[in-house]
């Protein structure tokens, strides 16, 4: 079970190796006879502590909290240096079983929608320092990916009322349009404008074939729901995650699924 990090104990073996990558400033207290080394937290770390309602003085944190705030500093440094922009701390989670590494959620400060970006640990280097990964590019590419699919549907049926929601799992940087560089899953809701199930299936086959030809190396999951106008208006799918939560409750005339794996397009399944 995942839970917020400050509610419990971190796995010490995994975490101690990560605390050292946060920026530290050593200050000298002239009032003391002996030299005292004191950790000064970054502004990002202070903001995280404020949200968790914890002391801003590092020395007042317990060992669990110190390790956690060190990891938060590492992750914030990683993502801000990678993309050259500021991010806002949202939450930091751990696995109660200690079988999985902790992860953190943030959002880019210049993102008006405040979409949640996840930072995870994908391994460790030879010095046992964490190597991180994130889904920022995938998240920012989702709108473009959805729009490209909708544009193609509009080319096929200019008057179509359609809703496209996708989850981008991987996006490659480089040349080519978004559909040729992306691994994603897509929900398509469309108002019934077909005279038969064969015509609806032909539409779905056309869209699926087009997406498959765009990127033959990419596995795709595509779910097409042909609906009455009333059912289409009553179905709210704000994101692909919404689709997964409510798909059993979606009313439809035709439901067409396709599985494309490793560039091999399998025939669609139709439910009426």
Protein backbone atom coordinates (compact mmCIF):
# COMPACT_ATOMS: atom_id res chain seq x y z
CA UNK A 1 0.00 0.00 0.00
CA UNK A 2 1.25 3.47 -0.87
CA UNK A 3 1.00 6.29 1.65
CA UNK A 4 2.38 9.72 2.40
CA UNK A 5 6.00 9.51 3.52
CA UNK A 6 5.72 11.59 6.66
CA UNK A 7 3.17 9.22 8.15
CA UNK A 8 5.66 6.39 8.64
CA UNK A 9 9.20 5.06 8.44
CA UNK A 10 11.36 4.99 5.33
CA UNK A 11 13.44 2.03 4.24
CA UNK A 12 16.80 3.15 5.58
CA UNK A 13 18.97 1.09 3.28
CA UNK A 14 17.43 2.55 0.13
CA UNK A 15 17.14 6.08 1.37
CA UNK A 16 20.44 6.85 3.04
CA UNK A 17 22.23 6.66 -0.29
CA UNK A 18 20.04 9.41 -1.72
CA UNK A 19 20.17 12.13 0.88
CA UNK A 20 23.61 13.35 -0.10
CA UNK A 21 22.56 14.76 -3.48
CA UNK A 22 20.55 17.65 -2.03
CA UNK A 23 22.34 21.01 -1.88
CA UNK A 24 23.77 21.79 1.52
CA UNK A 25 25.32 24.93 2.89
CA UNK A 26 27.56 24.79 5.92
CA UNK A 27 27.38 27.76 8.26
CA UNK A 28 29.58 28.69 11.15
CA UNK A 29 28.03 29.84 14.41
CA UNK A 30 30.46 32.32 15.97
CA UNK A 31 28.59 32.16 19.25
CA UNK A 32 29.68 28.60 19.86
CA UNK A 33 33.14 27.67 21.05
CA UNK A 34 33.22 24.61 18.81
CA UNK A 35 32.58 24.68 15.10
CA UNK A 36 29.02 23.54 14.35
CA UNK A 37 27.99 22.24 10.95
CA UNK A 38 24.40 22.97 10.12
CA UNK A 39 22.32 21.89 7.11
CA UNK A 40 20.50 24.72 5.36
CA UNK A 41 17.49 23.61 3.36
CA UNK A 42 16.67 24.81 -0.13
CA UNK A 43 13.53 26.81 -0.82
CA UNK A 44 11.95 23.75 -2.46
CA UNK A 45 12.58 21.69 0.65
CA UNK A 46 11.15 24.40 2.88
CA UNK A 47 8.01 24.58 0.75
CA UNK A 48 7.59 20.81 1.06
CA UNK A 49 7.95 21.00 4.83
CA UNK A 50 5.38 23.80 5.01
CA UNK A 51 2.87 21.68 3.10
CA UNK A 52 3.55 18.77 5.44
CA UNK A 53 3.26 21.11 8.45
CA UNK A 54 6.72 20.20 9.73
CA UNK A 55 9.47 22.39 11.24
CA UNK A 56 11.60 24.34 8.77
CA UNK A 57 14.69 23.74 10.91
CA UNK A 58 16.45 20.59 9.70
CA UNK A 59 17.78 19.86 13.19
CA UNK A 60 14.25 19.68 14.58
CA UNK A 61 13.21 16.94 12.17
CA UNK A 62 13.42 13.31 13.22
CA UNK A 63 15.63 10.90 11.25
CA UNK A 64 12.75 9.72 9.04
CA UNK A 65 11.81 13.28 8.16
CA UNK A 66 15.44 14.24 7.51
CA UNK A 67 15.88 11.36 5.07
CA UNK A 68 12.59 12.19 3.38
CA UNK A 69 13.39 15.88 2.93
CA UNK A 70 16.82 14.93 1.57
CA UNK A 71 15.18 12.75 -1.06
CA UNK A 72 12.72 15.50 -1.91
CA UNK A 73 15.64 17.87 -2.46
CA UNK A 74 17.31 15.35 -4.78
CA UNK A 75 14.18 14.86 -6.86
CA UNK A 76 13.43 18.57 -7.13
CA UNK A 77 17.02 19.29 -8.20
CA UNK A 78 16.78 16.52 -10.81
CA UNK A 79 13.60 17.67 -12.53
CA UNK A 80 14.33 21.40 -12.42
CA UNK A 81 17.81 20.93 -13.86
CA UNK A 82 16.52 18.53 -16.53
CA UNK A 83 13.84 20.87 -17.90
CA UNK A 84 15.24 24.26 -16.88
CA UNK A 85 12.07 25.38 -15.12
CA UNK A 86 10.55 25.52 -11.65
CA UNK A 87 8.26 22.85 -10.23
CA UNK A 88 5.90 22.85 -7.27
CA UNK A 89 5.94 20.07 -4.68
CA UNK A 90 2.65 18.17 -4.34
CA UNK A 91 3.26 14.97 -2.35
CA UNK A 92 5.80 12.29 -1.55
CA UNK A 93 4.85 8.64 -1.10
CA UNK A 94 6.35 5.42 0.15
CA UNK A 95 5.49 1.73 0.08
CA UNK A 96 4.60 0.31 3.50
CA UNK A 97 6.18 -3.01 2.54
CA UNK A 98 9.47 -1.30 1.58
CA UNK A 99 9.48 -3.40 -1.61
CA UNK A 100 9.23 -0.34 -3.86
CA UNK A 101 11.18 2.92 -3.91
CA UNK A 102 9.37 6.11 -2.85
CA UNK A 103 8.13 8.51 -5.51
CA UNK A 104 7.12 12.16 -5.63
CA UNK A 105 4.43 14.20 -7.36
CA UNK A 106 5.02 17.75 -8.62
CA UNK A 107 3.68 20.10 -11.27
CA UNK A 108 5.40 22.68 -13.46
CA UNK A 109 4.78 26.20 -12.19
CA UNK A 110 4.17 27.42 -15.75
CA UNK A 111 1.46 24.79 -16.35
CA UNK A 112 -1.90 26.51 -15.88
CA UNK A 113 -3.64 23.12 -15.57
CA UNK A 114 -1.23 22.04 -12.82
CA UNK A 115 -1.01 18.52 -14.23
CA UNK A 116 0.67 16.11 -11.83
CA UNK A 117 4.12 14.87 -12.85
CA UNK A 118 5.49 11.74 -11.20
CA UNK A 119 9.20 11.34 -10.36
CA UNK A 120 10.37 7.78 -9.71
CA UNK A 121 13.62 5.97 -9.01
CA UNK A 122 14.67 3.68 -11.87
CA UNK A 123 17.99 2.51 -10.42
CA UNK A 124 21.24 3.49 -8.73
CA UNK A 125 24.66 4.44 -10.05
CA UNK A 126 28.00 2.98 -8.95
CA UNK A 127 28.04 5.39 -6.00
CA UNK A 128 24.60 4.18 -4.88
CA UNK A 129 23.01 7.48 -5.78
CA UNK A 130 19.48 7.33 -7.18
CA UNK A 131 18.82 7.62 -10.92
CA UNK A 132 15.42 9.19 -11.54
CA UNK A 133 12.86 9.17 -14.32
CA UNK A 134 9.69 11.22 -14.85
CA UNK A 135 6.65 11.45 -17.14
CA UNK A 136 6.74 15.19 -17.84
CA UNK A 137 7.19 14.92 -21.62
CA UNK A 138 4.51 12.25 -21.89
CA UNK A 139 2.09 14.37 -19.89
CA UNK A 140 2.76 17.51 -21.92
CA UNK A 141 2.38 15.56 -25.20
CA UNK A 142 -1.06 14.18 -24.37
CA UNK A 143 -3.08 17.14 -25.70
CA UNK A 144 -1.13 17.18 -28.95
CA UNK A 145 -1.55 13.41 -29.35
CA UNK A 146 -5.31 13.57 -28.74
CA UNK A 147 -5.73 16.48 -31.13
CA UNK A 148 -3.85 14.67 -33.90
CA UNK A 149 -6.23 11.70 -33.62
CA UNK A 150 -9.29 13.96 -33.55
CA UNK A 151 -8.02 15.84 -36.62
CA UNK A 152 -7.74 12.57 -38.54
CA UNK A 153 -11.27 11.55 -37.54
CA UNK A 154 -12.53 14.94 -38.73
CA UNK A 155 -10.85 14.30 -42.08
CA UNK A 156 -12.85 11.07 -42.37
CA UNK A 157 -16.11 12.52 -41.05
CA UNK A 158 -16.05 16.35 -40.99
CA UNK A 159 -19.36 16.60 -39.12
CA UNK A 160 -18.45 14.04 -36.47
CA UNK A 161 -19.10 14.80 -32.81
CA UNK A 162 -16.19 13.09 -31.15
CA UNK A 163 -14.32 12.92 -27.83
CA UNK A 164 -10.73 11.62 -27.80
CA UNK A 165 -8.91 10.87 -24.56
CA UNK A 166 -5.45 9.29 -24.47
CA UNK A 167 -2.77 8.18 -22.08
CA UNK A 168 0.72 8.68 -23.48
CA UNK A 169 3.06 6.06 -22.04
CA UNK A 170 6.17 6.97 -24.00
CA UNK A 171 7.23 9.75 -26.34
CA UNK A 172 10.47 9.80 -28.30
CA UNK A 173 12.26 13.07 -28.93
CA UNK A 174 13.38 13.81 -32.47
CA UNK A 175 11.89 14.15 -35.93
CA UNK A 176 8.43 13.07 -36.97
CA UNK A 177 4.91 14.02 -35.94
CA UNK A 178 3.52 13.17 -32.53
CA UNK A 179 1.70 10.03 -33.70
CA UNK A 180 4.89 8.51 -35.09
CA UNK A 181 6.83 9.08 -31.86
CA UNK A 182 4.30 8.04 -29.27
CA UNK A 183 3.18 4.93 -27.41
CA UNK A 184 -0.32 5.47 -26.10
CA UNK A 185 -3.79 4.13 -25.36
CA UNK A 186 -6.91 5.93 -26.58
CA UNK A 187 -10.63 6.18 -25.87
CA UNK A 188 -12.78 7.48 -28.74
CA UNK A 189 -16.41 8.40 -28.17
CA UNK A 190 -18.39 9.35 -31.27
CA UNK A 191 -22.05 10.14 -31.95
CA UNK A 192 -23.59 7.44 -34.15
CA UNK A 193 -23.52 8.57 -37.78
CA UNK A 194 -23.29 5.08 -39.26
CA UNK A 195 -26.00 3.16 -41.10
CA UNK A 196 -24.82 -0.26 -39.96
CA UNK A 197 -22.44 -2.10 -37.69
CA UNK A 198 -20.26 -2.85 -40.72
CA UNK A 199 -19.90 0.87 -41.42
CA UNK A 200 -19.03 1.58 -37.79
CA UNK A 201 -16.50 -1.23 -37.82
CA UNK A 202 -15.05 0.13 -41.05
CA UNK A 203 -14.56 3.53 -39.40
CA UNK A 204 -12.80 1.99 -36.40
CA UNK A 205 -10.66 -0.18 -38.68
CA UNK A 206 -9.62 2.90 -40.66
CA UNK A 207 -8.56 4.85 -37.55
CA UNK A 208 -6.76 1.90 -36.00
CA UNK A 209 -4.91 1.06 -39.22
CA UNK A 210 -3.84 4.69 -39.59
CA UNK A 211 -2.44 4.84 -36.04
CA UNK A 212 -0.75 1.47 -36.44
CA UNK A 213 0.96 2.52 -39.68
CA UNK A 214 2.19 5.70 -38.01
CA UNK A 215 4.24 3.72 -35.53
CA UNK A 216 4.56 0.00 -36.20
CA UNK A 217 6.84 -0.58 -33.24
CA UNK A 218 4.35 0.71 -30.70
CA UNK A 219 1.73 -1.30 -28.80
CA UNK A 220 -1.65 0.40 -28.93
CA UNK A 221 -4.94 -0.09 -27.13
CA UNK A 222 -7.90 1.63 -28.79
CA UNK A 223 -11.46 1.67 -27.48
CA UNK A 224 -14.21 3.09 -29.73
CA UNK A 225 -17.70 3.80 -28.40
CA UNK A 226 -20.38 4.70 -30.94
CA UNK A 227 -23.17 6.36 -28.96
CA UNK A 228 -26.50 8.04 -29.35
CA UNK A 229 -26.38 11.82 -29.10
CA UNK A 230 -28.05 11.66 -25.69
CA UNK A 231 -25.59 9.10 -24.31
CA UNK A 232 -22.64 11.01 -25.79
CA UNK A 233 -23.72 14.22 -24.04
CA UNK A 234 -24.26 12.35 -20.76
CA UNK A 235 -20.83 10.67 -20.82
CA UNK A 236 -18.08 12.76 -19.24
CA UNK A 237 -14.57 11.49 -19.88
CA UNK A 238 -12.13 14.18 -18.79
CA UNK A 239 -9.05 11.97 -19.15
CA UNK A 240 -8.08 8.44 -20.08
CA UNK A 241 -7.97 7.62 -16.38
CA UNK A 242 -11.64 8.65 -16.17
CA UNK A 243 -12.40 6.14 -18.91
CA UNK A 244 -10.85 3.33 -16.88
CA UNK A 245 -12.97 4.29 -13.88
CA UNK A 246 -16.32 4.46 -15.69
CA UNK A 247 -16.01 2.23 -18.78
CA UNK A 248 -18.46 -0.35 -17.38
CA UNK A 249 -21.14 2.35 -17.15
CA UNK A 250 -20.78 3.75 -20.67
CA UNK A 251 -23.92 3.29 -22.80
CA UNK A 252 -23.31 2.63 -26.49
CA UNK A 253 -24.72 1.45 -29.78
CA UNK A 254 -21.46 -0.21 -30.81
CA UNK A 255 -18.35 -0.85 -28.74
CA UNK A 256 -15.24 -1.63 -30.77
CA UNK A 257 -11.91 -2.62 -29.21
CA UNK A 258 -8.59 -3.22 -30.90
CA UNK A 259 -5.29 -4.52 -29.61
CA UNK A 260 -2.18 -3.67 -31.58
CA UNK A 261 0.96 -5.26 -30.15
CA UNK A 262 4.45 -5.07 -31.61
CA UNK A 263 3.11 -3.64 -34.87
CA UNK A 264 0.75 -6.60 -35.40
CA UNK A 265 -2.78 -5.33 -35.86
CA UNK A 266 -5.41 -7.77 -34.60
CA UNK A 267 -8.99 -7.67 -35.87
CA UNK A 268 -11.44 -5.53 -33.91
CA UNK A 269 -14.08 -6.94 -31.60
CA UNK A 270 -17.56 -5.42 -31.87
CA UNK A 271 -20.27 -5.43 -29.20
CA UNK A 272 -23.81 -4.25 -29.91
